[in-house]
PDB file of N, CA and C in Angstrom:
ATOM      1  N   UNK A   1      38.937 -25.751  64.135  1.00  0.00           N
ATOM      2  CA  UNK A   1      39.666 -25.455  62.906  1.00  0.00           C
ATOM      3  C   UNK A   1      39.735 -23.947  62.690  1.00  0.00           C
ATOM      4  N   UNK A   2      40.833 -23.460  62.143  1.00  0.00           N
ATOM      5  CA  UNK A   2      40.926 -22.034  61.849  1.00  0.00           C
ATOM      6  C   UNK A   2      40.053 -21.678  60.649  1.00  0.00           C
ATOM      7  N   UNK A   3      39.795 -20.401  60.486  1.00  0.00           N
ATOM      8  CA  UNK A   3      39.028 -19.936  59.327  1.00  0.00           C
ATOM      9  C   UNK A   3      39.750 -20.357  58.048  1.00  0.00           C
ATOM     10  N   UNK A   4      38.991 -20.530  56.977  1.00  0.00           N
ATOM     11  CA  UNK A   4      39.612 -20.958  55.719  1.00  0.00           C
ATOM     12  C   UNK A   4      40.302 -19.778  55.038  1.00  0.00           C
ATOM     13  N   UNK A   5      41.251 -20.084  54.197  1.00  0.00           N
ATOM     14  CA  UNK A   5      41.946 -19.079  53.412  1.00  0.00           C
ATOM     15  C   UNK A   5      41.562 -19.285  51.958  1.00  0.00           C
ATOM     16  N   UNK A   6      41.101 -18.236  51.318  1.00  0.00           N
ATOM     17  CA  UNK A   6      40.660 -18.309  49.928  1.00  0.00           C
ATOM     18  C   UNK A   6      41.712 -17.728  48.996  1.00  0.00           C
ATOM     19  N   UNK A   7      41.768 -18.244  47.762  1.00  0.00           N
ATOM     20  CA  UNK A   7      42.638 -17.597  46.776  1.00  0.00           C
ATOM     21  C   UNK A   7      42.175 -16.157  46.565  1.00  0.00           C
ATOM     22  N   UNK A   8      43.114 -15.234  46.412  1.00  0.00           N
ATOM     23  CA  UNK A   8      42.750 -13.828  46.241  1.00  0.00           C
ATOM     24  C   UNK A   8      42.172 -13.542  44.865  1.00  0.00           C
ATOM     25  N   UNK A   9      42.544 -14.352  43.876  1.00  0.00           N
ATOM     26  CA  UNK A   9      42.015 -14.137  42.530  1.00  0.00           C
ATOM     27  C   UNK A   9      41.916 -15.464  41.800  1.00  0.00           C
ATOM     28  N   UNK A  10      41.159 -15.461  40.730  1.00  0.00           N
ATOM     29  CA  UNK A  10      40.979 -16.662  39.923  1.00  0.00           C
ATOM     30  C   UNK A  10      39.881 -17.568  40.458  1.00  0.00           C
ATOM     31  N   UNK A  11      39.351 -18.387  39.580  1.00  0.00           N
ATOM     32  CA  UNK A  11      38.291 -19.321  39.949  1.00  0.00           C
ATOM     33  C   UNK A  11      38.880 -20.507  40.712  1.00  0.00           C
ATOM     34  N   UNK A  12      38.065 -21.130  41.561  1.00  0.00           N
ATOM     35  CA  UNK A  12      38.478 -22.318  42.304  1.00  0.00           C
ATOM     36  C   UNK A  12      37.251 -23.154  42.635  1.00  0.00           C
ATOM     37  N   UNK A  13      37.482 -24.415  43.012  1.00  0.00           N
ATOM     38  CA  UNK A  13      36.399 -25.345  43.344  1.00  0.00           C
ATOM     39  C   UNK A  13      36.057 -25.255  44.822  1.00  0.00           C
ATOM     40  N   UNK A  14      34.753 -25.298  45.115  1.00  0.00           N
ATOM     41  CA  UNK A  14      34.253 -25.294  46.485  1.00  0.00           C
ATOM     42  C   UNK A  14      33.032 -26.212  46.550  1.00  0.00           C
ATOM     43  N   UNK A  15      32.488 -26.397  47.758  1.00  0.00           N
ATOM     44  CA  UNK A  15      31.412 -27.360  47.977  1.00  0.00           C
ATOM     45  C   UNK A  15      30.289 -26.752  48.792  1.00  0.00           C
ATOM     46  N   UNK A  16      29.049 -27.181  48.512  1.00  0.00           N
ATOM     47  CA  UNK A  16      27.881 -26.630  49.192  1.00  0.00           C
ATOM     48  C   UNK A  16      26.845 -27.714  49.424  1.00  0.00           C
ATOM     49  N   UNK A  17      26.219 -27.695  50.612  1.00  0.00           N
ATOM     50  CA  UNK A  17      25.083 -28.552  50.918  1.00  0.00           C
ATOM     51  C   UNK A  17      23.806 -27.787  50.601  1.00  0.00           C
ATOM     52  N   UNK A  18      22.885 -28.441  49.865  1.00  0.00           N
ATOM     53  CA  UNK A  18      21.575 -27.854  49.586  1.00  0.00           C
ATOM     54  C   UNK A  18      20.504 -28.816  50.098  1.00  0.00           C
ATOM     55  N   UNK A  19      19.237 -28.487  49.859  1.00  0.00           N
ATOM     56  CA  UNK A  19      18.130 -29.328  50.356  1.00  0.00           C
ATOM     57  C   UNK A  19      18.229 -30.758  49.857  1.00  0.00           C
ATOM     58  N   UNK A  20      17.614 -31.644  50.614  1.00  0.00           N
ATOM     59  CA  UNK A  20      17.567 -33.080  50.294  1.00  0.00           C
ATOM     60  C   UNK A  20      18.936 -33.739  50.326  1.00  0.00           C
ATOM     61  N   UNK A  21      19.844 -33.182  51.131  1.00  0.00           N
ATOM     62  CA  UNK A  21      21.187 -33.749  51.334  1.00  0.00           C
ATOM     63  C   UNK A  21      21.975 -33.883  50.037  1.00  0.00           C
ATOM     64  N   UNK A  22      21.772 -32.946  49.123  1.00  0.00           N
ATOM     65  CA  UNK A  22      22.536 -32.905  47.877  1.00  0.00           C
ATOM     66  C   UNK A  22      23.762 -32.026  48.094  1.00  0.00           C
ATOM     67  N   UNK A  23      24.901 -32.500  47.616  1.00  0.00           N
ATOM     68  CA  UNK A  23      26.156 -31.755  47.696  1.00  0.00           C
ATOM     69  C   UNK A  23      26.471 -31.215  46.310  1.00  0.00           C
ATOM     70  N   UNK A  24      26.715 -29.913  46.216  1.00  0.00           N
ATOM     71  CA  UNK A  24      27.067 -29.295  44.949  1.00  0.00           C
ATOM     72  C   UNK A  24      28.563 -29.032  44.875  1.00  0.00           C
ATOM     73  N   UNK A  25      29.128 -29.336  43.727  1.00  0.00           N
ATOM     74  CA  UNK A  25      30.505 -28.956  43.428  1.00  0.00           C
ATOM     75  C   UNK A  25      30.417 -27.652  42.645  1.00  0.00           C
ATOM     76  N   UNK A  26      31.029 -26.610  43.177  1.00  0.00           N
ATOM     77  CA  UNK A  26      30.918 -25.270  42.619  1.00  0.00           C
ATOM     78  C   UNK A  26      32.254 -24.763  42.095  1.00  0.00           C
ATOM     79  N   UNK A  27      32.178 -23.894  41.126  1.00  0.00           N
ATOM     80  CA  UNK A  27      33.340 -23.110  40.735  1.00  0.00           C
ATOM     81  C   UNK A  27      33.048 -21.686  41.173  1.00  0.00           C
ATOM     82  N   UNK A  28      33.815 -21.198  42.113  1.00  0.00           N
ATOM     83  CA  UNK A  28      33.618 -19.840  42.616  1.00  0.00           C
ATOM     84  C   UNK A  28      34.258 -18.886  41.620  1.00  0.00           C
ATOM     85  N   UNK A  29      33.441 -17.956  41.127  1.00  0.00           N
ATOM     86  CA  UNK A  29      33.891 -17.059  40.067  1.00  0.00           C
ATOM     87  C   UNK A  29      33.913 -15.600  40.488  1.00  0.00           C
ATOM     88  N   UNK A  30      33.021 -15.214  41.370  1.00  0.00           N
ATOM     89  CA  UNK A  30      32.867 -13.803  41.711  1.00  0.00           C
ATOM     90  C   UNK A  30      33.648 -13.405  42.941  1.00  0.00           C
ATOM     91  N   UNK A  31      33.223 -12.294  43.517  1.00  0.00           N
ATOM     92  CA  UNK A  31      33.817 -11.828  44.764  1.00  0.00           C
ATOM     93  C   UNK A  31      33.655 -12.913  45.812  1.00  0.00           C
ATOM     94  N   UNK A  32      34.620 -13.020  46.705  1.00  0.00           N
ATOM     95  CA  UNK A  32      34.569 -14.047  47.744  1.00  0.00           C
ATOM     96  C   UNK A  32      35.175 -13.537  49.030  1.00  0.00           C
ATOM     97  N   UNK A  33      34.699 -14.137  50.143  1.00  0.00           N
ATOM     98  CA  UNK A  33      35.215 -13.749  51.450  1.00  0.00           C
ATOM     99  C   UNK A  33      35.149 -14.961  52.374  1.00  0.00           C
ATOM    100  N   UNK A  34      36.128 -15.079  53.238  1.00  0.00           N
ATOM    101  CA  UNK A  34      36.076 -16.095  54.294  1.00  0.00           C
ATOM    102  C   UNK A  34      35.820 -15.369  55.606  1.00  0.00           C
ATOM    103  N   UNK A  35      35.039 -16.002  56.457  1.00  0.00           N
ATOM    104  CA  UNK A  35      34.676 -15.413  57.736  1.00  0.00           C
ATOM    105  C   UNK A  35      35.851 -15.469  58.702  1.00  0.00           C
ATOM    106  N   UNK A  36      35.957 -14.457  59.531  1.00  0.00           N
ATOM    107  CA  UNK A  36      36.968 -14.461  60.586  1.00  0.00           C
ATOM    108  C   UNK A  36      36.617 -15.444  61.700  1.00  0.00           C
ATOM    109  N   UNK A  37      35.345 -15.829  61.789  1.00  0.00           N
ATOM    110  CA  UNK A  37      34.890 -16.589  62.950  1.00  0.00           C
ATOM    111  C   UNK A  37      34.505 -18.042  62.664  1.00  0.00           C
ATOM    112  N   UNK A  38      34.597 -18.507  61.446  1.00  0.00           N
ATOM    113  CA  UNK A  38      34.196 -19.887  61.165  1.00  0.00           C
ATOM    114  C   UNK A  38      34.755 -20.380  59.849  1.00  0.00           C
ATOM    115  N   UNK A  39      34.289 -21.540  59.430  1.00  0.00           N
ATOM    116  CA  UNK A  39      34.792 -22.190  58.222  1.00  0.00           C
ATOM    117  C   UNK A  39      33.939 -21.907  56.986  1.00  0.00           C
ATOM    118  N   UNK A  40      32.743 -21.340  57.163  1.00  0.00           N
ATOM    119  CA  UNK A  40      31.915 -21.024  56.004  1.00  0.00           C
ATOM    120  C   UNK A  40      32.484 -19.808  55.283  1.00  0.00           C
ATOM    121  N   UNK A  41      32.381 -19.873  53.955  1.00  0.00           N
ATOM    122  CA  UNK A  41      32.814 -18.767  53.113  1.00  0.00           C
ATOM    123  C   UNK A  41      31.612 -18.305  52.297  1.00  0.00           C
ATOM    124  N   UNK A  42      31.739 -17.151  51.630  1.00  0.00           N
ATOM    125  CA  UNK A  42      30.655 -16.617  50.800  1.00  0.00           C
ATOM    126  C   UNK A  42      31.209 -16.114  49.486  1.00  0.00           C
ATOM    127  N   UNK A  43      30.339 -16.163  48.465  1.00  0.00           N
ATOM    128  CA  UNK A  43      30.689 -15.617  47.154  1.00  0.00           C
ATOM    129  C   UNK A  43      29.501 -14.867  46.585  1.00  0.00           C
ATOM    130  N   UNK A  44      29.787 -14.008  45.619  1.00  0.00           N
ATOM    131  CA  UNK A  44      28.719 -13.279  44.939  1.00  0.00           C
ATOM    132  C   UNK A  44      28.132 -14.098  43.795  1.00  0.00           C
ATOM    133  N   UNK A  45      28.947 -14.981  43.200  1.00  0.00           N
ATOM    134  CA  UNK A  45      28.451 -15.834  42.114  1.00  0.00           C
ATOM    135  C   UNK A  45      29.265 -17.122  42.051  1.00  0.00           C
ATOM    136  N   UNK A  46      28.593 -18.177  41.608  1.00  0.00           N
ATOM    137  CA  UNK A  46      29.236 -19.486  41.453  1.00  0.00           C
ATOM    138  C   UNK A  46      28.668 -20.176  40.215  1.00  0.00           C
ATOM    139  N   UNK A  47      29.447 -21.064  39.643  1.00  0.00           N
ATOM    140  CA  UNK A  47      28.984 -21.943  38.574  1.00  0.00           C
ATOM    141  C   UNK A  47      28.813 -23.324  39.193  1.00  0.00           C
ATOM    142  N   UNK A  48      27.674 -23.957  38.947  1.00  0.00           N
ATOM    143  CA  UNK A  48      27.396 -25.287  39.485  1.00  0.00           C
ATOM    144  C   UNK A  48      27.984 -26.316  38.518  1.00  0.00           C
ATOM    145  N   UNK A  49      29.019 -27.017  38.976  1.00  0.00           N
ATOM    146  CA  UNK A  49      29.716 -27.980  38.120  1.00  0.00           C
ATOM    147  C   UNK A  49      29.040 -29.345  38.131  1.00  0.00           C
ATOM    148  N   UNK A  50      28.608 -29.792  39.308  1.00  0.00           N
ATOM    149  CA  UNK A  50      27.959 -31.103  39.427  1.00  0.00           C
ATOM    150  C   UNK A  50      27.248 -31.188  40.763  1.00  0.00           C
ATOM    151  N   UNK A  51      26.416 -32.235  40.890  1.00  0.00           N
ATOM    152  CA  UNK A  51      25.631 -32.450  42.109  1.00  0.00           C
ATOM    153  C   UNK A  51      25.698 -33.924  42.473  1.00  0.00           C
ATOM    154  N   UNK A  52      25.689 -34.202  43.785  1.00  0.00           N
ATOM    155  CA  UNK A  52      25.817 -35.575  44.276  1.00  0.00           C
ATOM    156  C   UNK A  52      24.803 -35.838  45.381  1.00  0.00           C
ATOM    157  N   UNK A  53      24.173 -36.999  45.306  1.00  0.00           N
ATOM    158  CA  UNK A  53      23.251 -37.459  46.351  1.00  0.00           C
ATOM    159  C   UNK A  53      23.737 -38.829  46.773  1.00  0.00           C
ATOM    160  N   UNK A  54      24.084 -38.972  48.049  1.00  0.00           N
ATOM    161  CA  UNK A  54      24.620 -40.226  48.586  1.00  0.00           C
ATOM    162  C   UNK A  54      25.798 -40.733  47.752  1.00  0.00           C
ATOM    163  N   UNK A  55      26.647 -39.788  47.318  1.00  0.00           N
ATOM    164  CA  UNK A  55      27.857 -40.128  46.587  1.00  0.00           C
ATOM    165  C   UNK A  55      27.677 -40.369  45.102  1.00  0.00           C
ATOM    166  N   UNK A  56      26.439 -40.350  44.612  1.00  0.00           N
ATOM    167  CA  UNK A  56      26.154 -40.610  43.202  1.00  0.00           C
ATOM    168  C   UNK A  56      25.826 -39.294  42.511  1.00  0.00           C
ATOM    169  N   UNK A  57      26.412 -39.071  41.336  1.00  0.00           N
ATOM    170  CA  UNK A  57      26.131 -37.844  40.604  1.00  0.00           C
ATOM    171  C   UNK A  57      24.680 -37.830  40.129  1.00  0.00           C
ATOM    172  N   UNK A  58      24.014 -36.687  40.319  1.00  0.00           N
ATOM    173  CA  UNK A  58      22.609 -36.531  39.943  1.00  0.00           C
ATOM    174  C   UNK A  58      22.441 -35.249  39.127  1.00  0.00           C
ATOM    175  N   UNK A  59      21.339 -35.178  38.394  1.00  0.00           N
ATOM    176  CA  UNK A  59      21.008 -33.991  37.610  1.00  0.00           C
ATOM    177  C   UNK A  59      19.777 -33.337  38.209  1.00  0.00           C
ATOM    178  N   UNK A  60      19.523 -32.113  37.807  1.00  0.00           N
ATOM    179  CA  UNK A  60      18.303 -31.448  38.265  1.00  0.00           C
ATOM    180  C   UNK A  60      18.545 -30.049  38.745  1.00  0.00           C
ATOM    181  N   UNK A  61      17.519 -29.511  39.373  1.00  0.00           N
ATOM    182  CA  UNK A  61      17.556 -28.187  39.988  1.00  0.00           C
ATOM    183  C   UNK A  61      17.383 -28.376  41.478  1.00  0.00           C
ATOM    184  N   UNK A  62      18.164 -27.656  42.247  1.00  0.00           N
ATOM    185  CA  UNK A  62      18.227 -27.871  43.686  1.00  0.00           C
ATOM    186  C   UNK A  62      18.000 -26.565  44.424  1.00  0.00           C
ATOM    187  N   UNK A  63      17.347 -26.646  45.568  1.00  0.00           N
ATOM    188  CA  UNK A  63      17.011 -25.464  46.364  1.00  0.00           C
ATOM    189  C   UNK A  63      18.004 -25.257  47.497  1.00  0.00           C
ATOM    190  N   UNK A  64      18.260 -24.003  47.789  1.00  0.00           N
ATOM    191  CA  UNK A  64      19.092 -23.613  48.922  1.00  0.00           C
ATOM    192  C   UNK A  64      18.479 -24.115  50.224  1.00  0.00           C
ATOM    193  N   UNK A  65      19.318 -24.413  51.204  1.00  0.00           N
ATOM    194  CA  UNK A  65      18.842 -24.814  52.525  1.00  0.00           C
ATOM    195  C   UNK A  65      18.036 -23.715  53.202  1.00  0.00           C
ATOM    196  N   UNK A  66      18.471 -22.476  53.032  1.00  0.00           N
ATOM    197  CA  UNK A  66      17.885 -21.375  53.798  1.00  0.00           C
ATOM    198  C   UNK A  66      16.906 -20.512  53.017  1.00  0.00           C
ATOM    199  N   UNK A  67      16.846 -20.680  51.698  1.00  0.00           N
ATOM    200  CA  UNK A  67      15.909 -19.930  50.867  1.00  0.00           C
ATOM    201  C   UNK A  67      15.445 -20.849  49.748  1.00  0.00           C
ATOM    202  N   UNK A  68      14.295 -21.480  49.936  1.00  0.00           N
ATOM    203  CA  UNK A  68      13.818 -22.479  48.971  1.00  0.00           C
ATOM    204  C   UNK A  68      13.553 -21.890  47.591  1.00  0.00           C
ATOM    205  N   UNK A  69      13.465 -20.567  47.493  1.00  0.00           N
ATOM    206  CA  UNK A  69      13.255 -19.924  46.189  1.00  0.00           C
ATOM    207  C   UNK A  69      14.563 -19.745  45.410  1.00  0.00           C
ATOM    208  N   UNK A  70      15.703 -19.848  46.101  1.00  0.00           N
ATOM    209  CA  UNK A  70      17.005 -19.707  45.437  1.00  0.00           C
ATOM    210  C   UNK A  70      17.404 -21.067  44.903  1.00  0.00           C
ATOM    211  N   UNK A  71      17.586 -21.177  43.588  1.00  0.00           N
ATOM    212  CA  UNK A  71      17.801 -22.464  42.924  1.00  0.00           C
ATOM    213  C   UNK A  71      19.199 -22.560  42.319  1.00  0.00           C
ATOM    214  N   UNK A  72      19.685 -23.786  42.299  1.00  0.00           N
ATOM    215  CA  UNK A  72      20.961 -24.131  41.672  1.00  0.00           C
ATOM    216  C   UNK A  72      20.697 -25.222  40.646  1.00  0.00           C
ATOM    217  N   UNK A  73      21.236 -25.094  39.440  1.00  0.00           N
ATOM    218  CA  UNK A  73      21.112 -26.126  38.421  1.00  0.00           C
ATOM    219  C   UNK A  73      22.491 -26.396  37.839  1.00  0.00           C
ATOM    220  N   UNK A  74      22.802 -27.661  37.639  1.00  0.00           N
ATOM    221  CA  UNK A  74      24.105 -28.036  37.089  1.00  0.00           C
ATOM    222  C   UNK A  74      24.297 -27.358  35.733  1.00  0.00           C
ATOM    223  N   UNK A  75      25.480 -26.779  35.546  1.00  0.00           N
ATOM    224  CA  UNK A  75      25.814 -26.120  34.293  1.00  0.00           C
ATOM    225  C   UNK A  75      25.445 -24.654  34.225  1.00  0.00           C
ATOM    226  N   UNK A  76      24.844 -24.124  35.289  1.00  0.00           N
ATOM    227  CA  UNK A  76      24.456 -22.717  35.291  1.00  0.00           C
ATOM    228  C   UNK A  76      25.295 -21.925  36.282  1.00  0.00           C
ATOM    229  N   UNK A  77      25.318 -20.624  36.066  1.00  0.00           N
ATOM    230  CA  UNK A  77      25.947 -19.707  37.010  1.00  0.00           C
ATOM    231  C   UNK A  77      24.832 -18.989  37.748  1.00  0.00           C
ATOM    232  N   UNK A  78      24.947 -18.943  39.064  1.00  0.00           N
ATOM    233  CA  UNK A  78      23.973 -18.234  39.890  1.00  0.00           C
ATOM    234  C   UNK A  78      24.697 -17.113  40.633  1.00  0.00           C
ATOM    235  N   UNK A  79      23.956 -16.045  40.900  1.00  0.00           N
ATOM    236  CA  UNK A  79      24.549 -14.884  41.570  1.00  0.00           C
ATOM    237  C   UNK A  79      23.526 -14.269  42.511  1.00  0.00           C
ATOM    238  N   UNK A  80      24.031 -13.566  43.502  1.00  0.00           N
ATOM    239  CA  UNK A  80      23.176 -12.800  44.408  1.00  0.00           C
ATOM    240  C   UNK A  80      23.462 -11.317  44.195  1.00  0.00           C
ATOM    241  N   UNK A  81      22.408 -10.524  44.236  1.00  0.00           N
ATOM    242  CA  UNK A  81      22.555  -9.083  44.015  1.00  0.00           C
ATOM    243  C   UNK A  81      23.014  -8.361  45.270  1.00  0.00           C
ATOM    244  N   UNK A  82      22.706  -8.945  46.438  1.00  0.00           N
ATOM    245  CA  UNK A  82      22.969  -8.249  47.707  1.00  0.00           C
ATOM    246  C   UNK A  82      24.128  -8.867  48.490  1.00  0.00           C
ATOM    247  N   UNK A  83      25.154  -9.319  47.787  1.00  0.00           N
ATOM    248  CA  UNK A  83      26.327  -9.939  48.411  1.00  0.00           C
ATOM    249  C   UNK A  83      26.946  -9.032  49.473  1.00  0.00           C
ATOM    250  N   UNK A  84      27.257  -9.608  50.629  1.00  0.00           N
ATOM    251  CA  UNK A  84      27.905  -8.877  51.718  1.00  0.00           C
ATOM    252  C   UNK A  84      29.313  -9.433  51.886  1.00  0.00           C
ATOM    253  N   UNK A  85      30.314  -8.621  51.612  1.00  0.00           N
ATOM    254  CA  UNK A  85      31.705  -9.055  51.693  1.00  0.00           C
ATOM    255  C   UNK A  85      32.380  -8.793  53.025  1.00  0.00           C
ATOM    256  N   UNK A  86      31.622  -8.547  54.077  1.00  0.00           N
ATOM    257  CA  UNK A  86      32.192  -8.261  55.398  1.00  0.00           C
ATOM    258  C   UNK A  86      32.643  -9.563  56.059  1.00  0.00           C
ATOM    259  N   UNK A  87      33.950  -9.771  56.244  1.00  0.00           N
ATOM    260  CA  UNK A  87      34.445 -11.023  56.819  1.00  0.00           C
ATOM    261  C   UNK A  87      34.159 -11.181  58.314  1.00  0.00           C
ATOM    262  N   UNK A  88      33.698 -10.122  58.979  1.00  0.00           N
ATOM    263  CA  UNK A  88      33.398 -10.199  60.405  1.00  0.00           C
ATOM    264  C   UNK A  88      32.082 -10.911  60.683  1.00  0.00           C
ATOM    265  N   UNK A  89      31.270 -11.116  59.639  1.00  0.00           N
ATOM    266  CA  UNK A  89      29.957 -11.736  59.793  1.00  0.00           C
ATOM    267  C   UNK A  89      29.967 -13.074  59.056  1.00  0.00           C
ATOM    268  N   UNK A  90      29.715 -14.176  59.776  1.00  0.00           N
ATOM    269  CA  UNK A  90      29.741 -15.482  59.123  1.00  0.00           C
ATOM    270  C   UNK A  90      28.465 -15.739  58.327  1.00  0.00           C
ATOM    271  N   UNK A  91      27.318 -15.424  58.880  1.00  0.00           N
ATOM    272  CA  UNK A  91      26.040 -15.705  58.216  1.00  0.00           C
ATOM    273  C   UNK A  91      25.374 -14.411  57.790  1.00  0.00           C
ATOM    274  N   UNK A  92      25.514 -14.073  56.521  1.00  0.00           N
ATOM    275  CA  UNK A  92      24.883 -12.901  55.929  1.00  0.00           C
ATOM    276  C   UNK A  92      24.665 -13.203  54.455  1.00  0.00           C
ATOM    277  N   UNK A  93      24.283 -12.218  53.682  1.00  0.00           N
ATOM    278  CA  UNK A  93      23.915 -12.469  52.299  1.00  0.00           C
ATOM    279  C   UNK A  93      25.104 -12.855  51.426  1.00  0.00           C
ATOM    280  N   UNK A  94      24.847 -13.820  50.573  1.00  0.00           N
ATOM    281  CA  UNK A  94      25.850 -14.357  49.668  1.00  0.00           C
ATOM    282  C   UNK A  94      25.612 -15.849  49.491  1.00  0.00           C
ATOM    283  N   UNK A  95      26.361 -16.458  48.611  1.00  0.00           N
ATOM    284  CA  UNK A  95      26.276 -17.902  48.390  1.00  0.00           C
ATOM    285  C   UNK A  95      27.310 -18.550  49.299  1.00  0.00           C
ATOM    286  N   UNK A  96      26.841 -19.258  50.314  1.00  0.00           N
ATOM    287  CA  UNK A  96      27.740 -19.882  51.286  1.00  0.00           C
ATOM    288  C   UNK A  96      28.306 -21.175  50.738  1.00  0.00           C
ATOM    289  N   UNK A  97      29.549 -21.468  51.108  1.00  0.00           N
ATOM    290  CA  UNK A  97      30.205 -22.692  50.652  1.00  0.00           C
ATOM    291  C   UNK A  97      31.331 -23.046  51.604  1.00  0.00           C
ATOM    292  N   UNK A  98      31.859 -24.241  51.399  1.00  0.00           N
ATOM    293  CA  UNK A  98      33.028 -24.715  52.147  1.00  0.00           C
ATOM    294  C   UNK A  98      34.135 -25.060  51.154  1.00  0.00           C
ATOM    295  N   UNK A  99      35.350 -25.053  51.625  1.00  0.00           N
ATOM    296  CA  UNK A  99      36.487 -25.375  50.766  1.00  0.00           C
ATOM    297  C   UNK A  99      36.657 -26.886  50.570  1.00  0.00           C
ATOM    298  N   UNK A 100      36.096 -27.687  51.456  1.00  0.00           N
ATOM    299  CA  UNK A 100      36.219 -29.137  51.304  1.00  0.00           C
ATOM    300  C   UNK A 100      34.844 -29.787  51.207  1.00  0.00           C
ATOM    301  N   UNK A 101      34.783 -30.862  50.476  1.00  0.00           N
ATOM    302  CA  UNK A 101      33.540 -31.623  50.351  1.00  0.00           C
ATOM    303  C   UNK A 101      33.121 -32.180  51.709  1.00  0.00           C
ATOM    304  N   UNK A 102      34.086 -32.644  52.483  1.00  0.00           N
ATOM    305  CA  UNK A 102      33.791 -33.213  53.806  1.00  0.00           C
ATOM    306  C   UNK A 102      33.063 -32.209  54.686  1.00  0.00           C
ATOM    307  N   UNK A 103      33.510 -30.963  54.700  1.00  0.00           N
ATOM    308  CA  UNK A 103      32.830 -29.946  55.514  1.00  0.00           C
ATOM    309  C   UNK A 103      31.397 -29.731  55.042  1.00  0.00           C
ATOM    310  N   UNK A 104      31.180 -29.708  53.742  1.00  0.00           N
ATOM    311  CA  UNK A 104      29.827 -29.535  53.209  1.00  0.00           C
ATOM    312  C   UNK A 104      28.943 -30.714  53.601  1.00  0.00           C
ATOM    313  N   UNK A 105      29.481 -31.913  53.509  1.00  0.00           N
ATOM    314  CA  UNK A 105      28.710 -33.115  53.867  1.00  0.00           C
ATOM    315  C   UNK A 105      28.351 -33.144  55.347  1.00  0.00           C
ATOM    316  N   UNK A 106      29.225 -32.620  56.204  1.00  0.00           N
ATOM    317  CA  UNK A 106      29.001 -32.654  57.644  1.00  0.00           C
ATOM    318  C   UNK A 106      28.214 -31.453  58.160  1.00  0.00           C
ATOM    319  N   UNK A 107      27.973 -30.464  57.321  1.00  0.00           N
ATOM    320  CA  UNK A 107      27.273 -29.250  57.748  1.00  0.00           C
ATOM    321  C   UNK A 107      25.854 -29.597  58.171  1.00  0.00           C
ATOM    322  N   UNK A 108      25.418 -29.015  59.293  1.00  0.00           N
ATOM    323  CA  UNK A 108      24.096 -29.299  59.843  1.00  0.00           C
ATOM    324  C   UNK A 108      23.069 -28.215  59.537  1.00  0.00           C
ATOM    325  N   UNK A 109      23.480 -27.156  58.839  1.00  0.00           N
ATOM    326  CA  UNK A 109      22.562 -26.091  58.432  1.00  0.00           C
ATOM    327  C   UNK A 109      21.965 -25.381  59.576  1.00  0.00           C
TER     328      UNK A 109
END
């Protein structure tokens, strides 16, 4: 698949896999970039709209796959201070996400 194309401005919905196979529905609000080399995208901040476990909506606080100290809670906005907007690097600092729920569900971390 080709790299994803992101809206240049305005908020939009995206998807993220976190620990315990929970899928988050996000509203991307901050700076964003899509990688030149893959389907993962990054943002500086997101609002957590909802969370799903095995297709069922769940509540709670959820940990990032790669940093267990970074938490997501439904209804909150989370941000990273060290966001890297370089599109040449797929895995670097920022909140990673996918444009489709299917990609987030299939991600192997």
